[in-house]
Amino acid sequence: MAALDAFADGTGDEVTVVLDAGEPPPAQHVEVLVAARRGRDAADDAIVALLEARGGEGTRVVTSDAELARRARVLGAEVEGAGGFRRRLG
C-alpha cells in the first residue's frame, strides 16, 4: 500500500483499491474499499459498481483479469495490466 500511496501523492491521481476481504490497510492518499459481499468476483463486481456510479470515462482499472477488463472497457474505462503497473511503481 505504501507504493500506491506514494504513487497517488506523486502523481495527484485519485487511486482507489478494492479488496475482496480483510481490514483495509492505512493509507493517506489512496481510497481503500472492501467489497460488501464475499465470494467469487466480489471485488470485480464492486469495481464495476464504482465505475457505474462514478463513470468510467477517464478512469484506469489495473487488472490482469480478462473478464473484469472487458467489463471495465464497456463502461469506458482504460485498462492497464497489473504487471506493467507494478513495474511502473518500482
Protein backbone atom coordinates (compact mmCIF):
# COMPACT_ATOMS: atom_id res chain seq x y z
CA MET A 1 0.00 0.00 0.00
CA ALA A 2 2.94 2.32 0.65
CA ALA A 3 3.95 2.24 -3.03
CA LEU A 4 0.39 3.07 -4.13
CA ASP A 5 0.20 5.85 -1.56
CA ALA A 6 3.46 7.32 -2.87
CA PHE A 7 2.22 6.97 -6.46
CA ALA A 8 -1.03 8.80 -5.68
CA ASP A 9 0.82 11.51 -3.78
CA GLY A 10 3.42 11.97 -6.51
CA THR A 11 1.05 11.98 -9.48
CA GLY A 12 -2.00 13.58 -7.93
CA ASP A 13 -4.06 10.74 -9.43
CA GLU A 14 -7.08 9.55 -7.49
CA VAL A 15 -6.38 5.93 -6.55
CA THR A 16 -9.00 3.52 -5.24
CA VAL A 17 -8.18 -0.04 -4.21
CA VAL A 18 -10.94 -2.62 -3.79
CA LEU A 19 -10.15 -5.61 -1.59
CA ASP A 20 -12.01 -8.93 -1.50
CA ALA A 21 -11.94 -9.07 2.29
CA GLY A 22 -9.98 -8.11 5.34
CA GLU A 23 -9.17 -4.96 7.19
CA PRO A 24 -8.21 -2.06 4.93
CA PRO A 25 -4.59 -1.04 5.47
CA PRO A 26 -3.91 2.56 6.41
CA ALA A 27 -3.35 4.95 3.52
CA GLN A 28 -3.18 8.72 3.27
CA HIS A 29 -3.68 9.25 -0.45
CA VAL A 30 -5.49 6.07 -1.51
CA GLU A 31 -9.16 5.25 -1.03
CA VAL A 32 -9.29 1.65 0.21
CA LEU A 33 -12.62 -0.18 0.00
CA VAL A 34 -13.62 -3.71 0.95
CA ALA A 35 -16.20 -5.49 -1.21
CA ALA A 36 -19.55 -5.61 0.56
CA ARG A 37 -20.04 -9.28 -0.18
CA ARG A 38 -17.72 -12.27 -0.23
CA GLY A 39 -17.23 -14.86 -2.88
CA ARG A 40 -16.27 -15.23 -6.49
CA ASP A 41 -15.87 -11.92 -8.31
CA ALA A 42 -16.90 -9.87 -5.26
CA ALA A 43 -14.17 -7.27 -5.74
CA ASP A 44 -14.66 -7.28 -9.53
CA ASP A 45 -18.37 -6.61 -9.08
CA ALA A 46 -17.57 -3.82 -6.61
CA ILE A 47 -15.18 -2.23 -9.12
CA VAL A 48 -17.83 -2.38 -11.85
CA ALA A 49 -20.39 -0.86 -9.48
CA LEU A 50 -17.97 2.00 -8.75
CA LEU A 51 -17.48 2.58 -12.48
CA GLU A 52 -21.24 2.61 -12.98
CA ALA A 53 -21.74 5.08 -10.12
CA ARG A 54 -18.78 7.36 -10.82
CA GLY A 55 -18.48 6.98 -14.58
CA GLY A 56 -15.81 5.03 -16.38
CA GLU A 57 -14.53 7.75 -18.71
CA GLY A 58 -11.10 8.94 -17.62
CA THR A 59 -10.71 6.04 -15.20
CA ARG A 60 -7.95 3.46 -15.34
CA VAL A 61 -8.58 -0.02 -13.97
CA VAL A 62 -5.48 -2.04 -13.16
CA THR A 63 -6.15 -5.75 -13.54
CA SER A 64 -4.91 -8.90 -15.19
CA ASP A 65 -8.40 -10.42 -15.15
CA ALA A 66 -9.69 -10.55 -18.73
CA GLU A 67 -13.38 -10.51 -17.79
CA LEU A 68 -13.00 -7.53 -15.44
CA ALA A 69 -11.01 -5.75 -18.15
CA ARG A 70 -13.81 -6.38 -20.65
CA ARG A 71 -16.48 -5.14 -18.23
CA ALA A 72 -14.45 -2.02 -17.39
CA ARG A 73 -13.87 -1.16 -21.06
CA VAL A 74 -17.60 -1.46 -21.78
CA LEU A 75 -18.09 1.28 -19.18
CA GLY A 76 -15.47 3.50 -20.83
CA ALA A 77 -12.52 2.82 -18.54
CA GLU A 78 -8.96 2.34 -19.72
CA VAL A 79 -7.35 -0.92 -18.58
CA GLU A 80 -3.72 -1.49 -17.63
CA GLY A 81 -2.22 -4.86 -16.81
CA ALA A 82 -1.21 -5.40 -13.21
CA GLY A 83 2.33 -6.46 -14.11
CA GLY A 84 3.03 -3.32 -16.11
CA PHE A 85 1.60 -1.15 -13.38
CA ARG A 86 3.72 -2.85 -10.72
CA ARG A 87 6.82 -2.21 -12.82
CA ARG A 88 5.91 1.48 -13.05
CA LEU A 89 5.58 1.62 -9.27
CA GLY A 90 9.15 0.41 -8.98
